Amino acid sequence: MSTILLLEDDETFNKNISLVLESEGYKVIRTYNVHDAEKSADLADLLVLDVMLGDENGMELCRRLRKRINTPIIFLTSCDDEADIVEGLDIGGDDYITKPFRLRELLSRIRANLRRSPETPKASELLEAELTAVESKLLDYLISNRGHYLTREQILDYLWDCKGIFVNDNTLSVNISRLREKLKKYGFGQIVTKRGLGYKWTDQTNL
């Protein structure tokens, strides 16, 4: 299962694209600003970046990312000016789609770029291979609620039916501890604990 990072500041558009990608079997990291996208870029197999983001710019993000990753990048742009398109490709973009576009076209471009990308295993793939069913579902739940604390009760309710595995309070503590060790091993984000509030995902690794 490939992971797609989507950077789009329009919340409704972001949600609609994400739902289509998830229905096609992709795992989606939804981001709404350059900061969060840059922090999570290493987790993705392909990046879909909106170019104009208020005061921010997807092309500037691409320039910085190309110094450390070779992940395929598809630009979403409302400008069909040839000079802008050429600039996007010259700085390291792999493809572009001009808004408005059909979601089928985006899916086709994603599949094509994933086929062309190297088969070298990513750290995110190696991490996923090490996770148990409970750890994987726990991580997905925390990341999808990034920025918000989740109580132990909320997490237990979410994990209850994970492939028929019974998860009690003690089992949850063990799984959180093991997940933290694996995240540390691959240099991903952290699970933050705050007494009285619960657990929260952060993309930062140096807290």
Protein backbone atom coordinates (compact mmCIF):
# COMPACT_ATOMS: atom_id res chain seq x y z
CA MET A 1 0.00 0.00 0.00
CA SER A 2 1.53 3.29 -1.13
CA THR A 3 1.38 6.39 1.04
CA ILE A 4 0.43 9.70 -0.57
CA LEU A 5 1.12 13.04 1.12
CA LEU A 6 -1.40 15.67 0.06
CA LEU A 7 -0.68 19.35 0.63
CA GLU A 8 -3.83 21.38 -0.06
CA ASP A 9 -5.01 24.28 2.12
CA ASP A 10 -8.63 24.13 0.98
CA GLU A 11 -10.08 21.78 3.62
CA THR A 12 -13.05 20.64 1.53
CA PHE A 13 -10.92 19.97 -1.55
CA ASN A 14 -8.32 18.24 0.61
CA LYS A 15 -10.98 15.97 2.12
CA ASN A 16 -12.56 15.12 -1.24
CA ILE A 17 -9.23 14.17 -2.84
CA SER A 18 -8.20 12.17 0.22
CA LEU A 19 -11.42 10.16 0.25
CA VAL A 20 -10.97 9.23 -3.42
CA LEU A 21 -7.34 8.21 -2.87
CA GLU A 22 -8.28 6.13 0.18
CA SER A 23 -11.07 4.43 -1.78
CA GLU A 24 -8.38 3.38 -4.28
CA GLY A 25 -6.33 1.74 -1.53
CA TYR A 26 -3.82 4.50 -0.82
CA LYS A 27 -2.85 5.66 2.63
CA VAL A 28 -3.14 9.46 2.75
CA ILE A 29 -1.30 11.96 4.92
CA ARG A 30 -3.44 15.09 4.84
CA THR A 31 -1.58 18.38 5.34
CA TYR A 32 -2.79 21.94 5.02
CA ASN A 33 0.42 23.98 5.29
CA VAL A 34 4.06 23.78 4.20
CA HIS A 35 5.36 23.19 7.73
CA ASP A 36 3.36 20.01 8.31
CA ALA A 37 4.03 18.74 4.79
CA GLU A 38 7.78 19.21 5.18
CA LYS A 39 7.78 17.34 8.49
CA SER A 40 5.89 14.36 7.06
CA ALA A 41 7.43 14.17 3.58
CA ASP A 42 9.77 11.30 4.48
CA LEU A 43 6.77 9.10 5.30
CA ALA A 44 5.31 9.25 1.79
CA ASP A 45 5.89 7.36 -1.45
CA LEU A 46 4.56 10.28 -3.51
CA LEU A 47 3.79 13.94 -2.79
CA VAL A 48 0.89 15.94 -4.24
CA LEU A 49 1.63 19.63 -3.59
CA ASP A 50 -0.61 22.60 -4.25
CA VAL A 51 1.51 25.44 -5.60
CA MET A 52 -0.28 28.51 -4.21
CA LEU A 53 -0.93 28.32 -0.47
CA GLY A 54 -1.66 31.84 0.67
CA ASP A 55 1.68 33.27 1.78
CA GLU A 56 3.38 29.90 1.22
CA ASN A 57 4.48 28.19 -1.97
CA GLY A 58 4.61 24.54 -2.91
CA MET A 59 7.53 25.14 -5.29
CA GLU A 60 9.71 26.52 -2.50
CA LEU A 61 8.89 23.43 -0.48
CA CYS A 62 9.90 21.26 -3.45
CA ARG A 63 13.29 23.02 -3.64
CA ARG A 64 14.00 22.23 0.01
CA LEU A 65 12.77 18.65 -0.18
CA ARG A 66 14.89 17.86 -3.22
CA LYS A 67 17.98 18.35 -1.06
CA ARG A 68 17.12 15.21 0.91
CA ILE A 69 14.52 13.05 -0.86
CA ASN A 70 13.82 11.76 -4.39
CA THR A 71 10.13 11.03 -3.80
CA PRO A 72 7.94 11.74 -6.87
CA ILE A 73 6.22 15.14 -6.66
CA ILE A 74 3.07 16.15 -8.52
CA PHE A 75 2.12 19.83 -8.48
CA LEU A 76 -1.46 21.05 -8.38
CA THR A 77 -1.65 24.48 -9.97
CA SER A 78 -4.36 26.90 -11.03
CA CYS A 79 -1.92 28.58 -13.44
CA ASP A 80 -1.36 27.02 -16.86
CA ASP A 81 1.39 29.46 -17.85
CA GLU A 82 4.13 27.49 -19.62
CA ALA A 83 6.93 29.35 -17.82
CA ASP A 84 5.52 28.40 -14.40
CA ILE A 85 5.09 24.79 -15.43
CA VAL A 86 8.65 24.58 -16.74
CA GLU A 87 9.95 26.13 -13.53
CA GLY A 88 8.12 23.55 -11.46
CA LEU A 89 9.66 20.70 -13.44
CA ASP A 90 13.12 22.28 -13.43
CA ILE A 91 13.25 22.56 -9.63
CA GLY A 92 12.48 18.88 -9.17
CA GLY A 93 8.79 18.34 -9.79
CA ASP A 94 7.91 15.17 -11.69
CA ASP A 95 4.47 16.11 -12.98
CA TYR A 96 1.76 18.75 -12.76
CA ILE A 97 -2.00 18.99 -13.06
CA THR A 98 -3.81 22.23 -13.81
CA LYS A 99 -6.95 23.04 -11.80
CA PRO A 100 -9.74 22.28 -12.33
CA PHE A 101 -9.00 18.64 -13.05
CA ARG A 102 -10.77 15.32 -12.98
CA LEU A 103 -9.90 13.02 -10.11
CA ARG A 104 -9.44 10.16 -12.58
CA GLU A 105 -6.64 12.15 -14.17
CA LEU A 106 -4.95 12.63 -10.79
CA LEU A 107 -5.20 8.92 -10.06
CA SER A 108 -3.69 8.11 -13.45
CA ARG A 109 -0.78 10.50 -12.86
CA ILE A 110 -0.17 9.04 -9.41
CA ARG A 111 -0.07 5.48 -10.71
CA ALA A 112 2.29 6.46 -13.53
CA ASN A 113 4.72 8.26 -11.23
CA LEU A 114 4.71 5.46 -8.68
CA ARG A 115 5.58 2.99 -11.44
CA ARG A 116 8.54 5.15 -12.48
CA SER A 117 9.85 5.65 -8.95
CA PRO A 118 12.71 3.44 -7.66
CA GLU A 119 11.88 0.23 -5.85
CA THR A 120 14.25 1.01 -2.98
CA PRO A 121 12.44 0.35 0.31
CA LYS A 122 11.61 3.50 2.27
CA ALA A 123 12.03 3.90 5.99
CA SER A 124 8.25 4.18 6.22
CA GLU A 125 7.87 0.79 4.51
CA LEU A 126 10.43 -0.78 6.82
CA LEU A 127 8.62 0.65 9.84
CA GLU A 128 5.26 -0.60 8.60
CA ALA A 129 6.68 -4.08 8.12
CA GLU A 130 7.66 -4.18 11.80
CA LEU A 131 4.33 -3.04 13.18
CA THR A 132 1.79 -5.45 14.60
CA ALA A 133 -1.88 -5.08 13.64
CA VAL A 134 -2.61 -3.19 16.86
CA GLU A 135 0.43 -0.92 16.53
CA SER A 136 -0.43 -0.10 12.93
CA LYS A 137 -4.01 0.83 13.74
CA LEU A 138 -2.87 2.80 16.79
CA LEU A 139 -0.39 4.78 14.69
CA ASP A 140 -2.98 5.52 12.00
CA TYR A 141 -5.44 6.75 14.64
CA LEU A 142 -2.90 9.05 16.27
CA ILE A 143 -1.64 10.52 12.97
CA SER A 144 -5.18 11.10 11.64
CA ASN A 145 -5.88 13.10 14.81
CA ARG A 146 -2.55 14.99 14.87
CA GLY A 147 -2.67 18.06 17.04
CA HIS A 148 -5.35 16.63 19.34
CA TYR A 149 -4.99 14.61 22.51
CA LEU A 150 -6.77 11.25 22.57
CA THR A 151 -7.80 9.72 25.88
CA ARG A 152 -7.03 6.11 26.71
CA GLU A 153 -10.75 5.40 26.54
CA GLN A 154 -11.01 6.80 23.01
CA ILE A 155 -8.03 4.75 21.87
CA LEU A 156 -9.30 1.56 23.48
CA ASP A 157 -12.71 1.99 21.84
CA TYR A 158 -11.02 2.46 18.46
CA LEU A 159 -8.74 -0.58 18.84
CA TRP A 160 -11.33 -2.92 20.32
CA ASP A 161 -12.18 -4.79 17.11
CA CYS A 162 -8.71 -4.78 15.57
CA LYS A 163 -8.77 -8.16 13.81
CA GLY A 164 -10.40 -9.79 16.79
CA ILE A 165 -7.60 -8.90 19.18
CA PHE A 166 -8.74 -7.91 22.66
CA VAL A 167 -6.99 -4.76 23.85
CA ASN A 168 -7.24 -3.84 27.52
CA ASP A 169 -5.63 -1.00 29.46
CA ASN A 170 -2.41 -2.88 30.21
CA THR A 171 -2.10 -4.09 26.61
CA LEU A 172 -2.49 -0.50 25.40
CA SER A 173 0.42 0.65 27.58
CA VAL A 174 2.63 -2.09 26.16
CA ASN A 175 1.69 -1.27 22.57
CA ILE A 176 2.34 2.45 23.04
CA SER A 177 5.74 1.69 24.55
CA ARG A 178 6.70 -0.66 21.70
CA LEU A 179 5.43 1.76 19.06
CA ARG A 180 7.51 4.55 20.56
CA GLU A 181 10.65 2.43 20.31
CA LYS A 182 10.00 1.63 16.65
CA LEU A 183 9.28 5.27 15.82
CA LYS A 184 12.54 6.26 17.49
CA LYS A 185 14.41 3.60 15.53
CA TYR A 186 13.28 5.04 12.18
CA GLY A 187 13.44 8.69 13.20
CA PHE A 188 9.75 9.46 12.79
CA GLY A 189 7.52 11.60 15.03
CA GLN A 190 6.69 11.06 18.64
CA ILE A 191 3.74 10.14 20.81
CA VAL A 192 3.37 12.87 23.41
CA THR A 193 1.75 12.11 26.77
CA LYS A 194 0.04 14.71 28.95
CA ARG A 195 -1.48 13.77 32.29
CA GLY A 196 -5.22 14.20 32.29
CA LEU A 197 -5.45 14.60 28.52
CA GLY A 198 -3.96 11.46 26.99
CA TYR A 199 -1.78 10.94 23.91
CA LYS A 200 -1.04 13.15 20.90
CA TRP A 201 0.96 12.61 17.71
CA THR A 202 3.62 15.12 16.73
CA ASP A 203 5.79 15.06 13.60
CA GLN A 204 8.72 16.49 15.55
CA THR A 205 11.43 14.12 16.73
CA ASN A 206 13.44 16.45 18.95
CA LEU A 207 11.01 17.27 21.76
